[in-house]
Amino acid sequence: MNENVKAFVQDLLDKPPADLAAALSKNPDLRVDYFREFDLENSPHPNNIQDAKDGLPELIRRASLGQTITFSEFVEFLGRGNKRQVNGRTINPIATLCITQGLPPLWTLLVTADTGLPPGFWREHSDSEKARRQDECFAFYGATREPEGGAVDTCAECNTVRTPSGACMC
C-alpha cells in the first residue's frame, strides 16, 4: 500500500470523525477491514475498486463544473449497484486514487441529497470543513461552487426542485 495512503488511513483511525469512532467502538475488528478498503492491490472488494476507477472521471467532471453528485446519481452514473449501499467500500478506493494520483479530495463531492454535503462518516469532521474541502476540489479544476440550485433550479419536465448537484431525480 502506498505510504501516503497508509499515513492518511492511520491518521483517520487515530482521529476519526464521530460516526466512524462510534462504528469502531462497536466493532474493534472493523479497524483491520476498514484499513484494507484503501488497499487497491489486496482489497477484499475488487468491484468497488472498479467502481472507483469508473467513477473518478465523473467526479473530476463535476469538480470542473463546481458541482457535487448525490449517492443516487453516482450509482445511476455507474449503471450498477444499490443506491442505499454506497459506503466506505465505494468511497475509500476513491480516496486512495486521489491520494496516489495527486488529486484533490474528490470523495467530498459524493453527497447526501438533503444536505449537499458528504456524510459525517468520512474524513471531514465539521460541515464547514466538508464545504472547504469541496471548494478545494473545485479550485483545483478552476471552478467555483455552483450556486445552490444552479442557474435553473427546477426541472422543465417534472417541475421539481433539483438536487444539490443540479440534477433532477425524475
Protein backbone atom coordinates (compact mmCIF):
# COMPACT_ATOMS: atom_id res chain seq x y z
CA MET A 1 0.00 0.00 0.00
CA ASN A 2 1.21 3.49 -0.86
CA GLU A 3 2.90 5.21 2.12
CA ASN A 4 0.79 8.38 1.76
CA VAL A 5 -2.37 6.27 1.81
CA LYS A 6 -1.14 4.39 4.91
CA ALA A 7 -0.49 7.69 6.68
CA PHE A 8 -3.90 9.03 5.64
CA VAL A 9 -5.74 5.96 6.94
CA GLN A 10 -3.70 5.79 10.15
CA ASP A 11 -4.44 9.45 10.86
CA LEU A 12 -8.10 8.80 10.16
CA LEU A 13 -8.14 5.85 12.55
CA ASP A 14 -6.25 7.82 15.21
CA LYS A 15 -8.61 10.83 14.99
CA PRO A 16 -11.85 9.50 13.48
CA PRO A 17 -14.95 11.59 12.83
CA ALA A 18 -17.72 10.84 15.34
CA ASP A 19 -19.62 8.39 13.12
CA LEU A 20 -16.50 6.36 12.36
CA ALA A 21 -15.44 6.46 16.02
CA ALA A 22 -18.83 5.05 17.03
CA ALA A 23 -18.61 2.27 14.43
CA LEU A 24 -15.08 1.38 15.53
CA SER A 25 -16.08 1.28 19.21
CA LYS A 26 -18.92 -1.16 18.42
CA ASN A 27 -16.69 -3.42 16.34
CA PRO A 28 -12.94 -3.31 17.09
CA ASP A 29 -12.26 -5.76 14.22
CA LEU A 30 -13.55 -3.09 11.83
CA ARG A 31 -10.17 -1.32 12.03
CA VAL A 32 -8.45 -4.07 10.02
CA ASP A 33 -11.27 -4.37 7.48
CA TYR A 34 -11.53 -0.60 7.15
CA PHE A 35 -7.79 -0.28 6.52
CA ARG A 36 -7.98 -2.96 3.79
CA GLU A 37 -10.66 -0.98 1.90
CA PHE A 38 -7.93 1.51 0.93
CA ASP A 39 -5.59 -1.18 -0.46
CA LEU A 40 -6.08 -1.29 -4.22
CA GLU A 41 -3.83 -4.34 -4.68
CA ASN A 42 -5.26 -6.57 -1.94
CA SER A 43 -8.79 -5.31 -1.46
CA PRO A 44 -11.48 -7.73 -0.35
CA HIS A 45 -13.84 -5.76 -2.65
CA PRO A 46 -12.41 -5.61 -6.21
CA ASN A 47 -15.75 -4.47 -7.69
CA ASN A 48 -15.61 -1.36 -5.53
CA ILE A 49 -12.15 -0.56 -6.85
CA GLN A 50 -13.51 -0.82 -10.39
CA ASP A 51 -16.42 1.45 -9.38
CA ALA A 52 -13.92 3.98 -8.03
CA LYS A 53 -11.91 3.88 -11.26
CA ASP A 54 -15.06 4.15 -13.36
CA GLY A 55 -16.49 6.98 -11.23
CA LEU A 56 -13.35 9.10 -10.89
CA PRO A 57 -13.71 10.80 -14.32
CA GLU A 58 -17.28 11.80 -13.42
CA LEU A 59 -16.10 13.27 -10.10
CA ILE A 60 -13.42 15.22 -11.97
CA ARG A 61 -16.02 16.45 -14.47
CA ARG A 62 -18.32 17.53 -11.63
CA ALA A 63 -15.45 19.31 -9.87
CA SER A 64 -14.60 21.22 -13.05
CA LEU A 65 -18.23 22.42 -13.14
CA GLY A 66 -18.39 23.31 -9.43
CA GLN A 67 -20.91 20.54 -8.80
CA THR A 68 -21.38 17.71 -6.35
CA ILE A 69 -23.07 14.36 -7.02
CA THR A 70 -25.52 12.51 -4.79
CA PHE A 71 -25.03 8.86 -3.93
CA SER A 72 -28.09 8.01 -6.05
CA GLU A 73 -26.70 9.90 -9.03
CA PHE A 74 -23.34 8.18 -8.60
CA VAL A 75 -24.94 4.73 -8.69
CA GLU A 76 -27.00 5.76 -11.72
CA PHE A 77 -23.85 7.02 -13.43
CA LEU A 78 -22.09 3.69 -12.79
CA GLY A 79 -25.12 1.80 -14.06
CA ARG A 80 -24.89 -0.77 -11.29
CA GLY A 81 -25.15 -1.02 -7.54
CA ASN A 82 -27.65 -0.18 -4.85
CA LYS A 83 -28.24 3.49 -4.03
CA ARG A 84 -28.60 2.61 -0.36
CA GLN A 85 -25.29 0.77 -0.22
CA VAL A 86 -22.80 3.38 -1.40
CA ASN A 87 -20.47 3.43 1.57
CA GLY A 88 -16.82 3.34 2.54
CA ARG A 89 -16.20 0.32 0.39
CA THR A 90 -17.02 2.54 -2.57
CA ILE A 91 -15.58 5.82 -1.33
CA ASN A 92 -12.35 4.62 0.28
CA PRO A 93 -10.86 3.42 -3.05
CA ILE A 94 -11.74 6.86 -4.48
CA ALA A 95 -9.72 8.43 -1.65
CA THR A 96 -6.83 6.10 -2.45
CA LEU A 97 -6.91 7.03 -6.12
CA CYS A 98 -6.97 10.74 -5.24
CA ILE A 99 -4.04 10.42 -2.85
CA THR A 100 -1.89 8.29 -5.16
CA GLN A 101 -2.63 10.41 -8.24
CA GLY A 102 -2.14 13.79 -6.54
CA LEU A 103 -5.79 14.78 -6.91
CA PRO A 104 -7.84 16.90 -4.51
CA PRO A 105 -10.32 15.21 -2.10
CA LEU A 106 -12.86 14.28 -4.77
CA TRP A 107 -14.61 11.92 -2.33
CA THR A 108 -16.13 15.02 -0.71
CA LEU A 109 -18.18 15.59 -3.85
CA LEU A 110 -20.28 12.48 -3.10
CA VAL A 111 -23.08 13.97 -1.02
CA THR A 112 -26.41 13.24 0.58
CA ALA A 113 -29.30 14.84 -1.29
CA ASP A 114 -30.74 16.51 1.81
CA THR A 115 -27.60 18.42 2.85
CA GLY A 116 -25.42 18.67 -0.26
CA LEU A 117 -22.52 17.60 1.95
CA PRO A 118 -20.74 14.29 2.46
CA PRO A 119 -21.97 12.23 5.40
CA GLY A 120 -20.04 12.54 8.65
CA PHE A 121 -18.54 9.06 8.39
CA TRP A 122 -15.78 10.14 6.04
CA ARG A 123 -12.74 12.29 6.74
CA GLU A 124 -14.03 15.79 7.39
CA HIS A 125 -15.35 16.50 10.85
CA SER A 126 -17.48 19.62 10.54
CA ASP A 127 -19.83 20.89 7.84
CA SER A 128 -17.58 23.89 7.26
CA GLU A 129 -14.59 21.58 6.75
CA LYS A 130 -16.62 19.46 4.33
CA ALA A 131 -17.58 22.55 2.31
CA ARG A 132 -13.98 23.83 2.40
CA ARG A 133 -12.69 20.51 1.04
CA GLN A 134 -15.32 20.57 -1.74
CA ASP A 135 -14.21 24.11 -2.63
CA GLU A 136 -10.62 22.80 -2.74
CA CYS A 137 -11.72 20.31 -5.43
CA PHE A 138 -13.49 22.99 -7.44
CA ALA A 139 -10.50 25.37 -7.24
CA PHE A 140 -8.10 22.60 -8.34
CA TYR A 141 -10.02 22.43 -11.62
CA GLY A 142 -10.50 26.19 -11.96
CA ALA A 143 -14.16 26.20 -10.92
CA THR A 144 -16.18 27.68 -8.11
CA ARG A 145 -19.13 26.19 -6.33
CA GLU A 146 -22.23 26.30 -8.47
CA PRO A 147 -24.82 28.41 -6.66
CA GLU A 148 -27.37 26.27 -4.86
CA GLY A 149 -29.96 25.24 -7.38
CA GLY A 150 -27.75 26.47 -10.23
CA ALA A 151 -28.97 28.85 -12.89
CA VAL A 152 -32.14 26.77 -13.31
CA ASP A 153 -33.50 25.44 -10.04
CA THR A 154 -36.43 23.40 -11.34
CA CYS A 155 -36.70 20.59 -13.85
CA ALA A 156 -38.51 21.60 -17.05
CA GLU A 157 -40.01 18.12 -17.42
CA CYS A 158 -41.43 17.50 -13.96
CA ASN A 159 -41.18 20.98 -12.39
CA THR A 160 -39.50 19.63 -9.25
CA VAL A 161 -36.63 21.30 -7.41
CA ARG A 162 -33.30 19.89 -8.49
CA THR A 163 -30.91 18.07 -6.14
CA PRO A 164 -27.94 19.95 -4.62
CA SER A 165 -25.80 18.80 -7.55
CA GLY A 166 -28.21 20.38 -10.03
CA ALA A 167 -29.63 17.13 -11.42
CA CYS A 168 -33.28 16.15 -11.48
CA MET A 169 -34.46 12.95 -9.86
CA CYS A 170 -37.40 12.33 -12.25
